[in-house]
Amino acid sequence: MTNETRSQSPTVVLRISDGSRLVRQAFADFGQASRSAEAYAREGFVVDMMSATGLFIMDFETVRRGLAV
């Protein structure tokens, strides 16, 4: 017998850092986690993707934008 009201466990955890603080965000959907990681990286954050068990999956390249003056 399965319990259909049970919440789904996170499968991917993002470690997001701006250099001074570290935030973790959990996702059950790999595609959504990947899109979020890319968006954070575009904004200049350092992002690592980990499995829910703590194994490293990948990191995302930070995109630095020059400021126009």
N, C-alpha and C. Protein backbone atom coordinates (compact mmCIF):
# COMPACT_ATOMS: atom_id res chain seq x y z
N MET A 1 0.84 -1.18 0.00
CA MET A 1 0.00 0.00 0.00
C MET A 1 0.89 1.24 0.00
N THR A 2 0.63 2.16 -0.93
CA THR A 2 1.44 3.38 -1.01
C THR A 2 0.68 4.56 -0.43
N ASN A 3 1.42 5.49 0.09
CA ASN A 3 0.84 6.70 0.65
C ASN A 3 1.01 7.82 -0.36
N GLU A 4 -0.04 8.20 -1.06
CA GLU A 4 0.05 9.18 -2.13
C GLU A 4 0.12 10.60 -1.62
N THR A 5 -0.16 10.84 -0.34
CA THR A 5 -0.08 12.19 0.20
C THR A 5 1.33 12.50 0.71
N ARG A 6 2.20 11.53 0.68
CA ARG A 6 3.57 11.72 1.13
C ARG A 6 4.32 12.66 0.19
N SER A 7 5.07 13.60 0.75
CA SER A 7 5.81 14.53 -0.10
C SER A 7 7.03 13.85 -0.72
N GLN A 8 7.42 14.36 -1.87
CA GLN A 8 8.55 13.80 -2.58
C GLN A 8 9.85 14.32 -1.97
N SER A 9 10.81 13.43 -1.79
CA SER A 9 12.10 13.81 -1.22
C SER A 9 12.91 14.60 -2.24
N PRO A 10 13.71 15.57 -1.77
CA PRO A 10 14.56 16.29 -2.70
C PRO A 10 15.62 15.37 -3.28
N THR A 11 15.92 15.55 -4.55
CA THR A 11 16.94 14.72 -5.20
C THR A 11 18.20 15.52 -5.50
N VAL A 12 18.08 16.85 -5.56
CA VAL A 12 19.20 17.71 -5.90
C VAL A 12 19.24 18.89 -4.92
N VAL A 13 20.45 19.22 -4.47
CA VAL A 13 20.63 20.38 -3.59
C VAL A 13 21.62 21.32 -4.26
N LEU A 14 21.24 22.61 -4.34
CA LEU A 14 22.14 23.63 -4.85
C LEU A 14 22.81 24.32 -3.67
N ARG A 15 24.13 24.48 -3.77
CA ARG A 15 24.87 25.30 -2.80
C ARG A 15 25.19 26.59 -3.51
N ILE A 16 24.63 27.69 -3.02
CA ILE A 16 24.72 28.98 -3.68
C ILE A 16 25.48 29.93 -2.77
N SER A 17 26.53 30.57 -3.31
CA SER A 17 27.35 31.45 -2.47
C SER A 17 27.66 32.75 -3.20
N ASP A 18 27.69 33.84 -2.44
CA ASP A 18 28.13 35.12 -2.98
C ASP A 18 29.53 35.46 -2.48
N GLY A 19 30.19 34.53 -1.85
CA GLY A 19 31.53 34.73 -1.33
C GLY A 19 31.56 34.96 0.16
N SER A 20 30.45 35.40 0.73
CA SER A 20 30.41 35.62 2.17
C SER A 20 29.33 34.78 2.85
N ARG A 21 28.32 34.39 2.11
CA ARG A 21 27.23 33.56 2.67
C ARG A 21 26.98 32.36 1.78
N LEU A 22 26.53 31.28 2.42
CA LEU A 22 26.22 30.05 1.70
C LEU A 22 24.75 29.71 1.96
N VAL A 23 24.02 29.46 0.89
CA VAL A 23 22.61 29.09 0.98
C VAL A 23 22.43 27.76 0.28
N ARG A 24 21.59 26.92 0.82
CA ARG A 24 21.26 25.64 0.18
C ARG A 24 19.80 25.67 -0.23
N GLN A 25 19.54 25.18 -1.43
CA GLN A 25 18.17 25.11 -1.95
C GLN A 25 17.96 23.71 -2.50
N ALA A 26 16.89 23.04 -2.07
CA ALA A 26 16.62 21.65 -2.47
C ALA A 26 15.53 21.60 -3.54
N PHE A 27 15.69 20.66 -4.47
CA PHE A 27 14.74 20.46 -5.57
C PHE A 27 14.45 18.98 -5.74
N ALA A 28 13.23 18.66 -6.09
CA ALA A 28 12.86 17.28 -6.42
C ALA A 28 12.99 17.05 -7.93
N ASP A 29 13.03 18.13 -8.71
CA ASP A 29 13.09 18.04 -10.17
C ASP A 29 14.46 18.51 -10.65
N PHE A 30 15.21 17.64 -11.33
CA PHE A 30 16.55 17.96 -11.80
C PHE A 30 16.54 19.13 -12.78
N GLY A 31 15.59 19.15 -13.70
CA GLY A 31 15.51 20.23 -14.69
C GLY A 31 15.32 21.58 -14.05
N GLN A 32 14.45 21.67 -13.07
CA GLN A 32 14.22 22.94 -12.37
C GLN A 32 15.46 23.35 -11.60
N ALA A 33 16.14 22.39 -10.98
CA ALA A 33 17.38 22.69 -10.25
C ALA A 33 18.44 23.24 -11.20
N SER A 34 18.55 22.65 -12.37
CA SER A 34 19.53 23.09 -13.36
C SER A 34 19.23 24.50 -13.85
N ARG A 35 17.96 24.79 -14.14
CA ARG A 35 17.58 26.14 -14.59
C ARG A 35 17.84 27.18 -13.51
N SER A 36 17.56 26.83 -12.27
CA SER A 36 17.81 27.75 -11.16
C SER A 36 19.31 27.99 -10.98
N ALA A 37 20.09 26.93 -11.07
CA ALA A 37 21.55 27.07 -10.93
C ALA A 37 22.11 27.98 -12.02
N GLU A 38 21.66 27.81 -13.24
CA GLU A 38 22.13 28.66 -14.34
C GLU A 38 21.74 30.12 -14.12
N ALA A 39 20.54 30.35 -13.61
CA ALA A 39 20.09 31.72 -13.35
C ALA A 39 20.93 32.36 -12.25
N TYR A 40 21.22 31.64 -11.17
CA TYR A 40 22.07 32.18 -10.10
C TYR A 40 23.47 32.46 -10.62
N ALA A 41 24.01 31.57 -11.43
CA ALA A 41 25.36 31.77 -11.98
C ALA A 41 25.40 32.99 -12.89
N ARG A 42 24.35 33.21 -13.67
CA ARG A 42 24.30 34.40 -14.54
C ARG A 42 24.33 35.69 -13.72
N GLU A 43 23.82 35.63 -12.50
CA GLU A 43 23.79 36.81 -11.63
C GLU A 43 25.06 36.97 -10.81
N GLY A 44 26.05 36.08 -11.02
CA GLY A 44 27.34 36.22 -10.36
C GLY A 44 27.57 35.36 -9.14
N PHE A 45 26.62 34.48 -8.82
CA PHE A 45 26.78 33.60 -7.66
C PHE A 45 27.59 32.36 -8.05
N VAL A 46 28.29 31.79 -7.06
CA VAL A 46 28.98 30.52 -7.24
C VAL A 46 27.99 29.43 -6.89
N VAL A 47 27.78 28.47 -7.79
CA VAL A 47 26.76 27.45 -7.60
C VAL A 47 27.35 26.06 -7.81
N ASP A 48 27.13 25.18 -6.83
CA ASP A 48 27.48 23.77 -6.93
C ASP A 48 26.20 22.96 -6.84
N MET A 49 26.10 21.92 -7.65
CA MET A 49 24.95 21.02 -7.60
C MET A 49 25.39 19.73 -6.92
N MET A 50 24.64 19.32 -5.91
CA MET A 50 24.95 18.11 -5.14
C MET A 50 23.73 17.19 -5.16
N SER A 51 23.99 15.89 -5.01
CA SER A 51 22.87 14.97 -4.83
C SER A 51 22.37 15.13 -3.40
N ALA A 52 21.18 14.64 -3.13
CA ALA A 52 20.62 14.74 -1.77
C ALA A 52 21.46 13.98 -0.76
N THR A 53 22.28 13.03 -1.22
CA THR A 53 23.15 12.28 -0.31
C THR A 53 24.50 12.97 -0.12
N GLY A 54 24.72 14.11 -0.79
CA GLY A 54 25.94 14.88 -0.60
C GLY A 54 27.02 14.67 -1.63
N LEU A 55 26.75 13.90 -2.68
CA LEU A 55 27.75 13.69 -3.73
C LEU A 55 27.73 14.85 -4.72
N PHE A 56 28.92 15.33 -5.08
CA PHE A 56 29.04 16.43 -6.03
C PHE A 56 28.57 15.98 -7.40
N ILE A 57 27.74 16.79 -8.06
CA ILE A 57 27.26 16.49 -9.41
C ILE A 57 27.96 17.40 -10.42
N MET A 58 27.86 18.73 -10.24
CA MET A 58 28.51 19.67 -11.16
C MET A 58 28.52 21.05 -10.54
N ASP A 59 29.37 21.92 -11.11
CA ASP A 59 29.34 23.31 -10.72
C ASP A 59 28.99 24.15 -11.95
N PHE A 60 28.58 25.37 -11.70
CA PHE A 60 28.15 26.25 -12.78
C PHE A 60 29.07 27.45 -12.83
N GLU A 61 29.52 27.79 -14.04
CA GLU A 61 30.44 28.89 -14.25
C GLU A 61 29.74 30.22 -13.98
N THR A 62 30.38 31.03 -13.15
CA THR A 62 29.86 32.35 -12.84
C THR A 62 30.11 33.27 -14.02
N VAL A 63 29.10 34.01 -14.40
CA VAL A 63 29.22 34.96 -15.50
C VAL A 63 29.39 36.35 -14.90
N ARG A 64 30.53 36.95 -15.13
CA ARG A 64 30.79 38.31 -14.64
C ARG A 64 30.49 39.29 -15.75
N ARG A 65 29.67 40.26 -15.44
CA ARG A 65 29.33 41.28 -16.44
C ARG A 65 30.08 42.56 -16.11
N GLY A 66 30.59 43.19 -17.14
CA GLY A 66 31.24 44.48 -16.95
C GLY A 66 30.20 45.57 -16.77
N LEU A 67 30.57 46.58 -16.01
CA LEU A 67 29.65 47.70 -15.79
C LEU A 67 29.93 48.79 -16.81
N ALA A 68 28.88 49.28 -17.42
CA ALA A 68 29.01 50.40 -18.34
C ALA A 68 28.88 51.70 -17.56
N VAL A 69 29.81 52.59 -17.79
CA VAL A 69 29.77 53.87 -17.05
C VAL A 69 29.54 55.00 -18.01
